[in-house]
């Protein structure tokens, strides 16, 4: 996701440094790749987002749509973008 490219007004307040987490994944692990904008993260924690989509079996698109619906139901007023990839 972009971090206010070219926004002179926000330049001093927004960092381009990404939040990166690395974990070892073994053959038994289930994993989800989830990238989203602050429209989602302002109203939902990482754990709540995973809980929201953990029971979805119909694919990545449905999971992304469910997360956006949940963000809106929690009062998100910001633009929301979301990409989900399951193992």
PDB file of N, CA and C in Angstrom:
ATOM      1  N   UNK A   1       0.842  -1.164   0.000  1.00  0.00           N
ATOM      2  CA  UNK A   1       0.000   0.000   0.000  1.00  0.00           C
ATOM      3  C   UNK A   1       0.896   1.239   0.000  1.00  0.00           C
ATOM      4  N   UNK A   2       0.443   2.270  -0.618  1.00  0.00           N
ATOM      5  CA  UNK A   2       1.235   3.498  -0.672  1.00  0.00           C
ATOM      6  C   UNK A   2       1.163   4.237   0.647  1.00  0.00           C
ATOM      7  N   UNK A   3       2.142   5.055   0.867  1.00  0.00           N
ATOM      8  CA  UNK A   3       2.205   5.850   2.100  1.00  0.00           C
ATOM      9  C   UNK A   3       2.222   7.336   1.749  1.00  0.00           C
ATOM     10  N   UNK A   4       1.151   7.860   1.173  1.00  0.00           N
ATOM     11  CA  UNK A   4       0.997   9.281   0.861  1.00  0.00           C
ATOM     12  C   UNK A   4       2.091   9.787  -0.074  1.00  0.00           C
ATOM     13  N   UNK A   5       2.311   9.083  -1.182  1.00  0.00           N
ATOM     14  CA  UNK A   5       3.285   9.523  -2.177  1.00  0.00           C
ATOM     15  C   UNK A   5       2.977  10.944  -2.631  1.00  0.00           C
ATOM     16  N   UNK A   6       3.973  11.790  -2.596  1.00  0.00           N
ATOM     17  CA  UNK A   6       3.837  13.138  -3.122  1.00  0.00           C
ATOM     18  C   UNK A   6       2.971  14.064  -2.289  1.00  0.00           C
ATOM     19  N   UNK A   7       2.592  13.676  -1.102  1.00  0.00           N
ATOM     20  CA  UNK A   7       1.750  14.521  -0.259  1.00  0.00           C
ATOM     21  C   UNK A   7       2.648  15.367   0.632  1.00  0.00           C
ATOM     22  N   UNK A   8       2.955  16.565   0.181  1.00  0.00           N
ATOM     23  CA  UNK A   8       3.871  17.457   0.889  1.00  0.00           C
ATOM     24  C   UNK A   8       3.378  17.773   2.305  1.00  0.00           C
ATOM     25  N   UNK A   9       2.071  17.892   2.461  1.00  0.00           N
ATOM     26  CA  UNK A   9       1.476  18.235   3.758  1.00  0.00           C
ATOM     27  C   UNK A   9       1.722  17.135   4.800  1.00  0.00           C
ATOM     28  N   UNK A  10       1.707  15.868   4.380  1.00  0.00           N
ATOM     29  CA  UNK A  10       1.861  14.750   5.315  1.00  0.00           C
ATOM     30  C   UNK A  10       3.286  14.207   5.395  1.00  0.00           C
ATOM     31  N   UNK A  11       4.181  14.757   4.592  1.00  0.00           N
ATOM     32  CA  UNK A  11       5.542  14.240   4.477  1.00  0.00           C
ATOM     33  C   UNK A  11       6.238  14.057   5.830  1.00  0.00           C
ATOM     34  N   UNK A  12       6.073  15.000   6.732  1.00  0.00           N
ATOM     35  CA  UNK A  12       6.765  14.929   8.022  1.00  0.00           C
ATOM     36  C   UNK A  12       6.070  14.025   9.032  1.00  0.00           C
ATOM     37  N   UNK A  13       4.886  13.527   8.704  1.00  0.00           N
ATOM     38  CA  UNK A  13       4.110  12.746   9.663  1.00  0.00           C
ATOM     39  C   UNK A  13       3.969  11.269   9.297  1.00  0.00           C
ATOM     40  N   UNK A  14       4.263  10.926   8.060  1.00  0.00           N
ATOM     41  CA  UNK A  14       4.072   9.549   7.602  1.00  0.00           C
ATOM     42  C   UNK A  14       5.406   8.982   7.150  1.00  0.00           C
ATOM     43  N   UNK A  15       5.730   7.825   7.652  1.00  0.00           N
ATOM     44  CA  UNK A  15       6.975   7.171   7.278  1.00  0.00           C
ATOM     45  C   UNK A  15       6.738   6.181   6.137  1.00  0.00           C
ATOM     46  N   UNK A  16       7.744   6.014   5.316  1.00  0.00           N
ATOM     47  CA  UNK A  16       7.669   5.021   4.242  1.00  0.00           C
ATOM     48  C   UNK A  16       8.241   3.684   4.699  1.00  0.00           C
ATOM     49  N   UNK A  17       8.651   3.610   5.955  1.00  0.00           N
ATOM     50  CA  UNK A  17       9.226   2.374   6.482  1.00  0.00           C
ATOM     51  C   UNK A  17       8.120   1.354   6.742  1.00  0.00           C
ATOM     52  N   UNK A  18       8.205   0.177   6.125  1.00  0.00           N
ATOM     53  CA  UNK A  18       7.140  -0.822   6.283  1.00  0.00           C
ATOM     54  C   UNK A  18       7.202  -1.535   7.631  1.00  0.00           C
ATOM     55  N   UNK A  19       6.075  -2.078   8.037  1.00  0.00           N
ATOM     56  CA  UNK A  19       6.006  -2.946   9.217  1.00  0.00           C
ATOM     57  C   UNK A  19       6.206  -4.368   8.702  1.00  0.00           C
ATOM     58  N   UNK A  20       7.288  -5.017   9.106  1.00  0.00           N
ATOM     59  CA  UNK A  20       7.627  -6.339   8.587  1.00  0.00           C
ATOM     60  C   UNK A  20       7.734  -7.320   9.750  1.00  0.00           C
ATOM     61  N   UNK A  21       7.098  -8.476   9.585  1.00  0.00           N
ATOM     62  CA  UNK A  21       7.174  -9.546  10.577  1.00  0.00           C
ATOM     63  C   UNK A  21       7.611 -10.811   9.853  1.00  0.00           C
ATOM     64  N   UNK A  22       8.568 -11.534  10.428  1.00  0.00           N
ATOM     65  CA  UNK A  22       9.027 -12.776   9.816  1.00  0.00           C
ATOM     66  C   UNK A  22       8.845 -13.920  10.799  1.00  0.00           C
ATOM     67  N   UNK A  23       8.243 -14.997  10.340  1.00  0.00           N
ATOM     68  CA  UNK A  23       8.070 -16.204  11.138  1.00  0.00           C
ATOM     69  C   UNK A  23       8.458 -17.405  10.294  1.00  0.00           C
ATOM     70  N   UNK A  24       8.934 -18.452  10.943  1.00  0.00           N
ATOM     71  CA  UNK A  24       9.200 -19.700  10.238  1.00  0.00           C
ATOM     72  C   UNK A  24       7.875 -20.407   9.994  1.00  0.00           C
ATOM     73  N   UNK A  25       7.716 -20.959   8.812  1.00  0.00           N
ATOM     74  CA  UNK A  25       6.498 -21.693   8.464  1.00  0.00           C
ATOM     75  C   UNK A  25       6.894 -23.130   8.168  1.00  0.00           C
ATOM     76  N   UNK A  26       6.324 -24.063   8.916  1.00  0.00           N
ATOM     77  CA  UNK A  26       6.604 -25.467   8.646  1.00  0.00           C
ATOM     78  C   UNK A  26       5.453 -26.078   7.845  1.00  0.00           C
ATOM     79  N   UNK A  27       5.565 -27.355   7.528  1.00  0.00           N
ATOM     80  CA  UNK A  27       4.556 -28.014   6.698  1.00  0.00           C
ATOM     81  C   UNK A  27       3.196 -28.101   7.373  1.00  0.00           C
ATOM     82  N   UNK A  28       3.147 -28.052   8.687  1.00  0.00           N
ATOM     83  CA  UNK A  28       1.893 -28.155   9.432  1.00  0.00           C
ATOM     84  C   UNK A  28       1.181 -26.810   9.581  1.00  0.00           C
ATOM     85  N   UNK A  29       1.884 -25.736   9.320  1.00  0.00           N
ATOM     86  CA  UNK A  29       1.316 -24.409   9.549  1.00  0.00           C
ATOM     87  C   UNK A  29       0.323 -24.023   8.460  1.00  0.00           C
ATOM     88  N   UNK A  30      -0.741 -23.380   8.881  1.00  0.00           N
ATOM     89  CA  UNK A  30      -1.656 -22.742   7.944  1.00  0.00           C
ATOM     90  C   UNK A  30      -1.287 -21.268   7.951  1.00  0.00           C
ATOM     91  N   UNK A  31      -1.378 -20.631   6.798  1.00  0.00           N
ATOM     92  CA  UNK A  31      -1.043 -19.217   6.816  1.00  0.00           C
ATOM     93  C   UNK A  31      -1.899 -18.429   5.845  1.00  0.00           C
ATOM     94  N   UNK A  32      -1.972 -17.146   6.146  1.00  0.00           N
ATOM     95  CA  UNK A  32      -2.738 -16.191   5.357  1.00  0.00           C
ATOM     96  C   UNK A  32      -1.830 -14.998   5.107  1.00  0.00           C
ATOM     97  N   UNK A  33      -1.812 -14.503   3.885  1.00  0.00           N
ATOM     98  CA  UNK A  33      -1.148 -13.244   3.590  1.00  0.00           C
ATOM     99  C   UNK A  33      -2.249 -12.203   3.497  1.00  0.00           C
ATOM    100  N   UNK A  34      -2.151 -11.158   4.294  1.00  0.00           N
ATOM    101  CA  UNK A  34      -3.190 -10.146   4.364  1.00  0.00           C
ATOM    102  C   UNK A  34      -2.551  -8.767   4.320  1.00  0.00           C
ATOM    103  N   UNK A  35      -2.827  -8.027   3.266  1.00  0.00           N
ATOM    104  CA  UNK A  35      -2.352  -6.647   3.139  1.00  0.00           C
ATOM    105  C   UNK A  35      -3.577  -5.755   3.043  1.00  0.00           C
ATOM    106  N   UNK A  36      -3.615  -4.723   3.862  1.00  0.00           N
ATOM    107  CA  UNK A  36      -4.789  -3.849   3.870  1.00  0.00           C
ATOM    108  C   UNK A  36      -4.375  -2.423   4.211  1.00  0.00           C
ATOM    109  N   UNK A  37      -5.239  -1.497   3.853  1.00  0.00           N
ATOM    110  CA  UNK A  37      -4.994  -0.087   4.143  1.00  0.00           C
ATOM    111  C   UNK A  37      -5.516   0.273   5.529  1.00  0.00           C
ATOM    112  N   UNK A  38      -5.247   1.504   5.935  1.00  0.00           N
ATOM    113  CA  UNK A  38      -5.654   1.923   7.276  1.00  0.00           C
ATOM    114  C   UNK A  38      -7.164   2.011   7.446  1.00  0.00           C
ATOM    115  N   UNK A  39      -7.918   1.999   6.367  1.00  0.00           N
ATOM    116  CA  UNK A  39      -9.372   1.937   6.492  1.00  0.00           C
ATOM    117  C   UNK A  39      -9.819   0.682   7.220  1.00  0.00           C
ATOM    118  N   UNK A  40      -9.026  -0.364   7.121  1.00  0.00           N
ATOM    119  CA  UNK A  40      -9.294  -1.603   7.856  1.00  0.00           C
ATOM    120  C   UNK A  40      -8.579  -1.599   9.207  1.00  0.00           C
ATOM    121  N   UNK A  41      -7.285  -1.255   9.206  1.00  0.00           N
ATOM    122  CA  UNK A  41      -6.482  -1.377  10.424  1.00  0.00           C
ATOM    123  C   UNK A  41      -6.858  -0.372  11.506  1.00  0.00           C
ATOM    124  N   UNK A  42      -7.507   0.727  11.161  1.00  0.00           N
ATOM    125  CA  UNK A  42      -7.940   1.684  12.190  1.00  0.00           C
ATOM    126  C   UNK A  42      -9.069   1.126  13.052  1.00  0.00           C
ATOM    127  N   UNK A  43      -9.803   0.146  12.534  1.00  0.00           N
ATOM    128  CA  UNK A  43     -10.970  -0.369  13.263  1.00  0.00           C
ATOM    129  C   UNK A  43     -10.848  -1.841  13.645  1.00  0.00           C
ATOM    130  N   UNK A  44      -9.731  -2.482  13.294  1.00  0.00           N
ATOM    131  CA  UNK A  44      -9.616  -3.922  13.527  1.00  0.00           C
ATOM    132  C   UNK A  44      -8.158  -4.302  13.788  1.00  0.00           C
ATOM    133  N   UNK A  45      -7.930  -5.135  14.795  1.00  0.00           N
ATOM    134  CA  UNK A  45      -6.577  -5.623  15.074  1.00  0.00           C
ATOM    135  C   UNK A  45      -6.224  -6.760  14.109  1.00  0.00           C
ATOM    136  N   UNK A  46      -4.952  -7.115  14.066  1.00  0.00           N
ATOM    137  CA  UNK A  46      -4.513  -8.247  13.239  1.00  0.00           C
ATOM    138  C   UNK A  46      -5.278  -9.514  13.606  1.00  0.00           C
ATOM    139  N   UNK A  47      -5.402  -9.762  14.900  1.00  0.00           N
ATOM    140  CA  UNK A  47      -6.069 -10.986  15.370  1.00  0.00           C
ATOM    141  C   UNK A  47      -7.545 -10.997  14.990  1.00  0.00           C
ATOM    142  N   UNK A  48      -8.215  -9.854  15.116  1.00  0.00           N
ATOM    143  CA  UNK A  48      -9.636  -9.782  14.748  1.00  0.00           C
ATOM    144  C   UNK A  48      -9.813 -10.009  13.249  1.00  0.00           C
ATOM    145  N   UNK A  49      -8.894  -9.491  12.442  1.00  0.00           N
ATOM    146  CA  UNK A  49      -8.979  -9.680  10.995  1.00  0.00           C
ATOM    147  C   UNK A  49      -8.852 -11.159  10.637  1.00  0.00           C
ATOM    148  N   UNK A  50      -7.891 -11.838  11.243  1.00  0.00           N
ATOM    149  CA  UNK A  50      -7.715 -13.268  10.975  1.00  0.00           C
ATOM    150  C   UNK A  50      -8.924 -14.052  11.465  1.00  0.00           C
ATOM    151  N   UNK A  51      -9.426 -13.713  12.652  1.00  0.00           N
ATOM    152  CA  UNK A  51     -10.629 -14.386  13.163  1.00  0.00           C
ATOM    153  C   UNK A  51     -11.807 -14.206  12.213  1.00  0.00           C
ATOM    154  N   UNK A  52     -11.923 -13.023  11.640  1.00  0.00           N
ATOM    155  CA  UNK A  52     -13.039 -12.697  10.749  1.00  0.00           C
ATOM    156  C   UNK A  52     -13.065 -13.591   9.510  1.00  0.00           C
ATOM    157  N   UNK A  53     -11.884 -13.981   9.026  1.00  0.00           N
ATOM    158  CA  UNK A  53     -11.838 -14.749   7.773  1.00  0.00           C
ATOM    159  C   UNK A  53     -11.406 -16.200   7.955  1.00  0.00           C
ATOM    160  N   UNK A  54     -11.149 -16.626   9.172  1.00  0.00           N
ATOM    161  CA  UNK A  54     -10.601 -17.970   9.393  1.00  0.00           C
ATOM    162  C   UNK A  54     -11.540 -19.095   8.981  1.00  0.00           C
ATOM    163  N   UNK A  55     -12.830 -18.861   8.966  1.00  0.00           N
ATOM    164  CA  UNK A  55     -13.792 -19.908   8.611  1.00  0.00           C
ATOM    165  C   UNK A  55     -14.236 -19.850   7.149  1.00  0.00           C
ATOM    166  N   UNK A  56     -13.708 -18.911   6.378  1.00  0.00           N
ATOM    167  CA  UNK A  56     -14.121 -18.767   4.977  1.00  0.00           C
ATOM    168  C   UNK A  56     -13.403 -19.801   4.123  1.00  0.00           C
ATOM    169  N   UNK A  57     -14.177 -20.564   3.373  1.00  0.00           N
ATOM    170  CA  UNK A  57     -13.616 -21.614   2.518  1.00  0.00           C
ATOM    171  C   UNK A  57     -13.814 -21.337   1.034  1.00  0.00           C
ATOM    172  N   UNK A  58     -14.465 -20.225   0.703  1.00  0.00           N
ATOM    173  CA  UNK A  58     -14.808 -19.952  -0.692  1.00  0.00           C
ATOM    174  C   UNK A  58     -13.779 -19.113  -1.432  1.00  0.00           C
ATOM    175  N   UNK A  59     -12.643 -18.837  -0.840  1.00  0.00           N
ATOM    176  CA  UNK A  59     -11.581 -18.191  -1.580  1.00  0.00           C
ATOM    177  C   UNK A  59     -11.179 -16.815  -1.092  1.00  0.00           C
ATOM    178  N   UNK A  60     -10.114 -16.348  -1.721  1.00  0.00           N
ATOM    179  CA  UNK A  60      -9.482 -15.093  -1.353  1.00  0.00           C
ATOM    180  C   UNK A  60     -10.402 -13.888  -1.535  1.00  0.00           C
ATOM    181  N   UNK A  61     -11.122 -13.847  -2.652  1.00  0.00           N
ATOM    182  CA  UNK A  61     -12.002 -12.716  -2.951  1.00  0.00           C
ATOM    183  C   UNK A  61     -13.078 -12.561  -1.877  1.00  0.00           C
ATOM    184  N   UNK A  62     -13.717 -13.658  -1.503  1.00  0.00           N
ATOM    185  CA  UNK A  62     -14.759 -13.594  -0.472  1.00  0.00           C
ATOM    186  C   UNK A  62     -14.176 -13.118   0.857  1.00  0.00           C
ATOM    187  N   UNK A  63     -12.985 -13.574   1.189  1.00  0.00           N
ATOM    188  CA  UNK A  63     -12.347 -13.160   2.442  1.00  0.00           C
ATOM    189  C   UNK A  63     -12.074 -11.657   2.440  1.00  0.00           C
ATOM    190  N   UNK A  64     -11.551 -11.140   1.339  1.00  0.00           N
ATOM    191  CA  UNK A  64     -11.277  -9.700   1.242  1.00  0.00           C
ATOM    192  C   UNK A  64     -12.565  -8.894   1.362  1.00  0.00           C
ATOM    193  N   UNK A  65     -13.612  -9.345   0.681  1.00  0.00           N
ATOM    194  CA  UNK A  65     -14.899  -8.648   0.752  1.00  0.00           C
ATOM    195  C   UNK A  65     -15.460  -8.679   2.169  1.00  0.00           C
ATOM    196  N   UNK A  66     -15.315  -9.793   2.856  1.00  0.00           N
ATOM    197  CA  UNK A  66     -15.817  -9.912   4.230  1.00  0.00           C
ATOM    198  C   UNK A  66     -15.081  -8.957   5.166  1.00  0.00           C
ATOM    199  N   UNK A  67     -13.776  -8.825   4.980  1.00  0.00           N
ATOM    200  CA  UNK A  67     -13.014  -7.899   5.815  1.00  0.00           C
ATOM    201  C   UNK A  67     -13.457  -6.455   5.603  1.00  0.00           C
ATOM    202  N   UNK A  68     -13.689  -6.072   4.360  1.00  0.00           N
ATOM    203  CA  UNK A  68     -14.135  -4.703   4.082  1.00  0.00           C
ATOM    204  C   UNK A  68     -15.520  -4.469   4.677  1.00  0.00           C
ATOM    205  N   UNK A  69     -16.419  -5.446   4.533  1.00  0.00           N
ATOM    206  CA  UNK A  69     -17.755  -5.323   5.141  1.00  0.00           C
ATOM    207  C   UNK A  69     -17.645  -5.158   6.651  1.00  0.00           C
ATOM    208  N   UNK A  70     -16.765  -5.933   7.267  1.00  0.00           N
ATOM    209  CA  UNK A  70     -16.587  -5.849   8.719  1.00  0.00           C
ATOM    210  C   UNK A  70     -16.032  -4.483   9.121  1.00  0.00           C
ATOM    211  N   UNK A  71     -15.076  -3.968   8.358  1.00  0.00           N
ATOM    212  CA  UNK A  71     -14.525  -2.641   8.656  1.00  0.00           C
ATOM    213  C   UNK A  71     -15.615  -1.576   8.577  1.00  0.00           C
ATOM    214  N   UNK A  72     -16.455  -1.657   7.557  1.00  0.00           N
ATOM    215  CA  UNK A  72     -17.553  -0.696   7.416  1.00  0.00           C
ATOM    216  C   UNK A  72     -18.544  -0.823   8.566  1.00  0.00           C
ATOM    217  N   UNK A  73     -18.834  -2.053   8.979  1.00  0.00           N
ATOM    218  CA  UNK A  73     -19.779  -2.256  10.084  1.00  0.00           C
ATOM    219  C   UNK A  73     -19.219  -1.737  11.408  1.00  0.00           C
ATOM    220  N   UNK A  74     -17.891  -1.616  11.488  1.00  0.00           N
ATOM    221  CA  UNK A  74     -17.254  -1.081  12.696  1.00  0.00           C
ATOM    222  C   UNK A  74     -17.070   0.436  12.614  1.00  0.00           C
ATOM    223  N   UNK A  75     -17.610   1.045  11.569  1.00  0.00           N
ATOM    224  CA  UNK A  75     -17.588   2.500  11.463  1.00  0.00           C
ATOM    225  C   UNK A  75     -16.434   3.094  10.692  1.00  0.00           C
ATOM    226  N   UNK A  76     -15.681   2.291   9.941  1.00  0.00           N
ATOM    227  CA  UNK A  76     -14.578   2.838   9.157  1.00  0.00           C
ATOM    228  C   UNK A  76     -15.108   3.855   8.155  1.00  0.00           C
ATOM    229  N   UNK A  77     -14.474   5.029   8.122  1.00  0.00           N
ATOM    230  CA  UNK A  77     -14.873   6.088   7.201  1.00  0.00           C
ATOM    231  C   UNK A  77     -13.781   6.351   6.170  1.00  0.00           C
ATOM    232  N   UNK A  78     -12.656   5.668   6.314  1.00  0.00           N
ATOM    233  CA  UNK A  78     -11.517   5.860   5.425  1.00  0.00           C
ATOM    234  C   UNK A  78     -11.632   4.923   4.226  1.00  0.00           C
ATOM    235  N   UNK A  79     -10.946   5.262   3.134  1.00  0.00           N
ATOM    236  CA  UNK A  79     -10.884   4.346   1.997  1.00  0.00           C
ATOM    237  C   UNK A  79     -10.265   3.039   2.471  1.00  0.00           C
ATOM    238  N   UNK A  80     -10.792   1.923   1.984  1.00  0.00           N
ATOM    239  CA  UNK A  80     -10.292   0.615   2.403  1.00  0.00           C
ATOM    240  C   UNK A  80      -9.894  -0.216   1.199  1.00  0.00           C
ATOM    241  N   UNK A  81      -8.705  -0.780   1.261  1.00  0.00           N
ATOM    242  CA  UNK A  81      -8.214  -1.717   0.257  1.00  0.00           C
ATOM    243  C   UNK A  81      -7.726  -2.946   0.994  1.00  0.00           C
ATOM    244  N   UNK A  82      -7.905  -4.108   0.371  1.00  0.00           N
ATOM    245  CA  UNK A  82      -7.536  -5.338   1.055  1.00  0.00           C
ATOM    246  C   UNK A  82      -7.192  -6.418   0.034  1.00  0.00           C
ATOM    247  N   UNK A  83      -6.116  -7.147   0.293  1.00  0.00           N
ATOM    248  CA  UNK A  83      -5.718  -8.291  -0.516  1.00  0.00           C
ATOM    249  C   UNK A  83      -5.503  -9.459   0.439  1.00  0.00           C
ATOM    250  N   UNK A  84      -6.108 -10.613   0.128  1.00  0.00           N
ATOM    251  CA  UNK A  84      -5.971 -11.802   0.967  1.00  0.00           C
ATOM    252  C   UNK A  84      -5.493 -12.956   0.097  1.00  0.00           C
ATOM    253  N   UNK A  85      -4.512 -13.707   0.589  1.00  0.00           N
ATOM    254  CA  UNK A  85      -4.054 -14.917  -0.092  1.00  0.00           C
ATOM    255  C   UNK A  85      -3.935 -16.022   0.943  1.00  0.00           C
ATOM    256  N   UNK A  86      -4.615 -17.128   0.699  1.00  0.00           N
ATOM    257  CA  UNK A  86      -4.516 -18.292   1.569  1.00  0.00           C
ATOM    258  C   UNK A  86      -3.456 -19.232   1.033  1.00  0.00           C
ATOM    259  N   UNK A  87      -2.986 -20.138   1.886  1.00  0.00           N
ATOM    260  CA  UNK A  87      -2.020 -21.162   1.487  1.00  0.00           C
ATOM    261  C   UNK A  87      -2.569 -21.967   0.343  1.00  0.00           C
TER     262      UNK A  87
END
